[in-house]
N, C-alpha and C. Protein backbone atom coordinates (compact mmCIF):
# COMPACT_ATOMS: atom_id res chain seq x y z
N UNK A 1 100.37 95.20 107.98
CA UNK A 1 99.86 96.27 107.02
C UNK A 1 98.88 97.19 107.80
N UNK A 2 97.91 96.46 108.33
CA UNK A 2 96.94 97.28 109.18
C UNK A 2 97.51 97.97 110.42
N UNK A 3 98.52 97.50 110.97
CA UNK A 3 99.16 98.09 112.14
C UNK A 3 99.90 99.37 111.77
N UNK A 4 100.35 99.48 110.54
CA UNK A 4 101.08 100.65 110.14
C UNK A 4 100.14 101.93 110.12
N UNK A 5 98.87 101.81 109.85
CA UNK A 5 97.88 102.89 109.82
C UNK A 5 97.15 103.09 111.15
N UNK A 6 97.58 102.44 112.26
CA UNK A 6 97.01 102.52 113.54
C UNK A 6 97.94 103.31 114.48
N UNK A 7 97.31 103.96 115.45
CA UNK A 7 98.01 104.74 116.42
C UNK A 7 98.71 103.93 117.45
N UNK A 8 100.02 103.45 117.20
CA UNK A 8 100.76 102.78 118.23
C UNK A 8 100.31 101.40 118.56
N UNK A 9 101.05 100.75 119.51
CA UNK A 9 100.57 99.35 119.82
C UNK A 9 99.38 99.40 120.81
N UNK A 10 98.59 98.27 120.90
CA UNK A 10 97.58 98.18 121.81
C UNK A 10 96.38 97.62 121.13
N UNK A 11 95.25 97.60 121.93
CA UNK A 11 94.02 96.91 121.45
C UNK A 11 93.48 97.71 120.23
N UNK A 12 93.49 98.99 120.26
CA UNK A 12 93.01 99.79 119.02
C UNK A 12 93.67 99.42 117.81
N UNK A 13 95.14 99.35 117.85
CA UNK A 13 95.90 99.05 116.76
C UNK A 13 95.65 97.61 116.32
N UNK A 14 95.50 96.65 117.32
CA UNK A 14 95.16 95.24 116.97
C UNK A 14 93.85 95.12 116.35
N UNK A 15 92.80 95.76 116.84
CA UNK A 15 91.54 95.73 116.25
C UNK A 15 91.51 96.26 114.84
N UNK A 16 92.09 97.39 114.71
CA UNK A 16 92.10 98.01 113.29
C UNK A 16 92.88 97.20 112.37
N UNK A 17 94.02 96.66 112.88
CA UNK A 17 94.78 95.74 111.96
C UNK A 17 93.95 94.55 111.42
N UNK A 18 93.21 94.02 112.34
CA UNK A 18 92.42 92.84 112.02
C UNK A 18 91.37 93.23 110.98
N UNK A 19 90.69 94.44 111.28
CA UNK A 19 89.69 94.89 110.41
C UNK A 19 90.19 95.21 108.94
N UNK A 20 91.33 95.83 108.90
CA UNK A 20 91.94 96.21 107.59
C UNK A 20 92.27 94.87 106.82
N UNK A 21 92.77 93.87 107.61
CA UNK A 21 93.31 92.65 106.88
C UNK A 21 92.02 91.97 106.49
N UNK A 22 90.92 91.87 107.18
CA UNK A 22 89.73 91.16 106.86
C UNK A 22 89.05 91.83 105.59
N UNK A 23 88.99 93.21 105.64
CA UNK A 23 88.45 93.84 104.53
C UNK A 23 89.21 93.66 103.25
N UNK A 24 90.58 93.62 103.35
CA UNK A 24 91.44 93.43 102.11
C UNK A 24 91.21 91.96 101.62
N UNK A 25 91.13 91.05 102.58
CA UNK A 25 90.94 89.63 102.11
C UNK A 25 89.56 89.44 101.34
N UNK A 26 88.53 90.22 101.82
CA UNK A 26 87.28 90.17 101.15
C UNK A 26 87.27 90.85 99.86
N UNK A 27 87.90 92.03 99.80
CA UNK A 27 87.97 92.82 98.54
C UNK A 27 88.86 92.08 97.45
N UNK A 28 89.94 91.46 97.93
CA UNK A 28 90.87 90.79 96.90
C UNK A 28 90.44 89.33 96.75
N UNK A 29 89.38 88.89 97.31
CA UNK A 29 88.96 87.53 97.23
C UNK A 29 90.02 86.54 97.55
N UNK A 30 90.79 86.83 98.67
CA UNK A 30 92.00 86.03 99.02
C UNK A 30 91.70 85.51 100.42
N UNK A 31 91.61 84.28 100.59
CA UNK A 31 91.30 83.72 101.97
C UNK A 31 92.65 83.23 102.51
N UNK A 32 93.05 83.93 103.59
CA UNK A 32 94.35 83.54 104.29
C UNK A 32 94.09 83.78 105.72
N UNK A 33 93.56 82.89 106.55
CA UNK A 33 93.28 83.14 107.90
C UNK A 33 94.51 83.42 108.76
N UNK A 34 95.70 82.87 108.47
CA UNK A 34 96.88 83.37 109.34
C UNK A 34 97.14 84.84 109.19
N UNK A 35 96.68 85.56 108.10
CA UNK A 35 96.97 86.89 107.87
C UNK A 35 96.35 87.73 109.04
N UNK A 36 95.20 87.31 109.48
CA UNK A 36 94.60 88.15 110.59
C UNK A 36 95.44 87.97 111.89
N UNK A 37 95.95 86.73 112.20
CA UNK A 37 96.65 86.69 113.46
C UNK A 37 98.06 87.29 113.26
N UNK A 38 98.59 87.30 112.06
CA UNK A 38 99.96 88.03 111.92
C UNK A 38 99.75 89.55 112.04
N UNK A 39 98.64 90.05 111.48
CA UNK A 39 98.40 91.57 111.64
C UNK A 39 98.19 91.88 113.12
N UNK A 40 97.47 91.05 113.81
CA UNK A 40 97.30 91.24 115.21
C UNK A 40 98.50 91.13 116.02
N UNK A 41 99.31 90.27 115.71
CA UNK A 41 100.61 90.02 116.39
C UNK A 41 101.55 91.29 116.21
N UNK A 42 101.65 91.73 114.95
CA UNK A 42 102.48 93.00 114.85
C UNK A 42 101.83 94.17 115.46
N UNK A 43 100.61 94.23 115.44
CA UNK A 43 100.01 95.43 116.12
C UNK A 43 100.06 95.55 117.57
N UNK A 44 100.05 94.35 118.25
CA UNK A 44 100.08 94.29 119.68
C UNK A 44 101.43 94.37 120.32
N UNK A 45 102.50 94.33 119.41
CA UNK A 45 103.90 94.34 119.93
C UNK A 45 104.24 95.87 120.19
N UNK A 46 105.07 96.02 121.09
CA UNK A 46 105.67 97.35 121.38
C UNK A 46 106.46 97.85 120.19
N UNK A 47 106.34 99.22 119.97
CA UNK A 47 107.07 99.69 118.74
C UNK A 47 108.56 99.81 118.99
N UNK A 48 109.18 98.78 118.37
CA UNK A 48 110.69 98.81 118.44
C UNK A 48 111.19 98.64 116.92
N UNK A 49 112.39 99.13 116.73
CA UNK A 49 112.92 99.06 115.32
C UNK A 49 113.00 97.56 114.86
N UNK A 50 113.27 96.60 115.66
CA UNK A 50 113.30 95.18 115.30
C UNK A 50 112.02 94.72 114.75
N UNK A 51 110.85 95.28 115.15
CA UNK A 51 109.53 94.89 114.55
C UNK A 51 109.41 95.26 113.06
N UNK A 52 110.05 96.35 112.74
CA UNK A 52 109.96 96.71 111.30
C UNK A 52 110.75 95.67 110.49
N UNK A 53 111.97 95.23 110.95
CA UNK A 53 112.64 94.30 110.24
C UNK A 53 111.83 93.01 110.15
N UNK A 54 111.26 92.58 111.25
CA UNK A 54 110.45 91.31 111.19
C UNK A 54 109.27 91.39 110.25
N UNK A 55 108.66 92.63 110.29
CA UNK A 55 107.46 92.80 109.30
C UNK A 55 108.03 92.69 107.75
N UNK A 56 109.05 93.35 107.54
CA UNK A 56 109.61 93.29 106.18
C UNK A 56 110.03 91.82 105.85
N UNK A 57 110.66 91.16 106.74
CA UNK A 57 111.01 89.79 106.53
C UNK A 57 109.84 88.89 106.28
N UNK A 58 108.82 89.05 107.12
CA UNK A 58 107.53 88.20 106.87
C UNK A 58 106.95 88.66 105.50
N UNK A 59 106.95 89.87 105.26
CA UNK A 59 106.43 90.28 103.88
C UNK A 59 107.14 89.67 102.67
N UNK A 60 108.44 89.64 102.78
CA UNK A 60 109.28 89.03 101.84
C UNK A 60 109.15 87.61 101.67
N UNK A 61 108.99 86.81 102.80
CA UNK A 61 108.73 85.43 102.68
C UNK A 61 107.41 85.17 102.14
N UNK A 62 106.38 85.91 102.46
CA UNK A 62 104.99 85.74 101.86
C UNK A 62 105.11 85.99 100.35
N UNK A 63 105.81 86.96 99.93
CA UNK A 63 105.94 87.33 98.50
C UNK A 63 106.65 86.15 97.75
N UNK A 64 107.65 85.63 98.35
CA UNK A 64 108.38 84.49 97.73
C UNK A 64 107.39 83.24 97.59
N UNK A 65 106.67 82.91 98.62
CA UNK A 65 105.81 81.89 98.70
C UNK A 65 104.66 82.00 97.66
N UNK A 66 104.15 83.30 97.57
CA UNK A 66 103.14 83.49 96.54
C UNK A 66 103.72 83.34 95.13
N UNK A 67 104.85 83.76 94.97
CA UNK A 67 105.45 83.61 93.58
C UNK A 67 105.76 82.21 93.20
N UNK A 68 106.15 81.45 94.26
CA UNK A 68 106.38 79.92 94.01
C UNK A 68 105.11 79.22 93.64
N UNK A 69 103.98 79.64 94.37
CA UNK A 69 102.76 79.11 94.09
C UNK A 69 102.27 79.38 92.62
N UNK A 70 102.44 80.60 92.17
CA UNK A 70 102.01 81.00 90.94
C UNK A 70 102.80 80.28 89.91
N UNK A 71 104.12 80.22 90.07
CA UNK A 71 105.02 79.49 89.20
C UNK A 71 104.64 77.96 89.01
N UNK A 72 104.29 77.37 90.15
CA UNK A 72 103.99 75.92 90.08
C UNK A 72 102.62 75.73 89.44
N UNK A 73 101.61 76.55 89.60
CA UNK A 73 100.39 76.48 88.92
C UNK A 73 100.61 76.69 87.46
N UNK A 74 101.34 77.66 87.01
CA UNK A 74 101.77 77.88 85.75
C UNK A 74 102.36 76.68 85.03
N UNK A 75 103.42 76.16 85.75
CA UNK A 75 104.10 74.94 85.16
C UNK A 75 103.16 73.84 85.01
N UNK A 76 102.30 73.58 86.01
CA UNK A 76 101.35 72.43 85.97
C UNK A 76 100.45 72.60 84.77
N UNK A 77 99.91 73.81 84.65
CA UNK A 77 99.00 74.11 83.44
C UNK A 77 99.71 73.89 82.12
N UNK A 78 100.90 74.31 82.12
CA UNK A 78 101.65 74.09 80.79
C UNK A 78 101.94 72.75 80.55
N UNK A 79 102.32 71.86 81.46
CA UNK A 79 102.50 70.39 81.33
C UNK A 79 101.21 69.73 80.99
N UNK A 80 100.09 70.15 81.57
CA UNK A 80 98.82 69.44 81.18
C UNK A 80 98.48 69.76 79.77
N UNK A 81 98.78 71.05 79.26
CA UNK A 81 98.45 71.42 77.91
C UNK A 81 99.29 70.57 76.95
N UNK A 82 100.52 70.25 77.24
CA UNK A 82 101.37 69.50 76.41
C UNK A 82 100.88 68.04 76.36
N UNK A 83 100.30 67.62 77.50
CA UNK A 83 99.91 66.20 77.59
C UNK A 83 98.63 66.06 76.82
N UNK A 84 97.77 67.09 76.74
CA UNK A 84 96.60 66.92 76.00
C UNK A 84 96.68 66.90 74.53
N UNK A 85 97.81 67.34 74.00
CA UNK A 85 98.00 67.43 72.54
C UNK A 85 98.48 66.04 72.08
């Protein structure tokens, strides 16, 4: 995410990707340490079309995992409500 708004691959892109990722984690109150290394990894890679596919794939996997977590928490809360009654 941060690498997309940075000028090409390199240390400037990596640093700004890390900064954007850390700021978003703070603002969204979401702690996810691997996000910083993922942003750094994508920012330091040379710009090839395959990197866009990898980024979209990683984003999709993250969205699926977040959805599964929310569904599991919702299901557990619902089961506990039924047990309490």
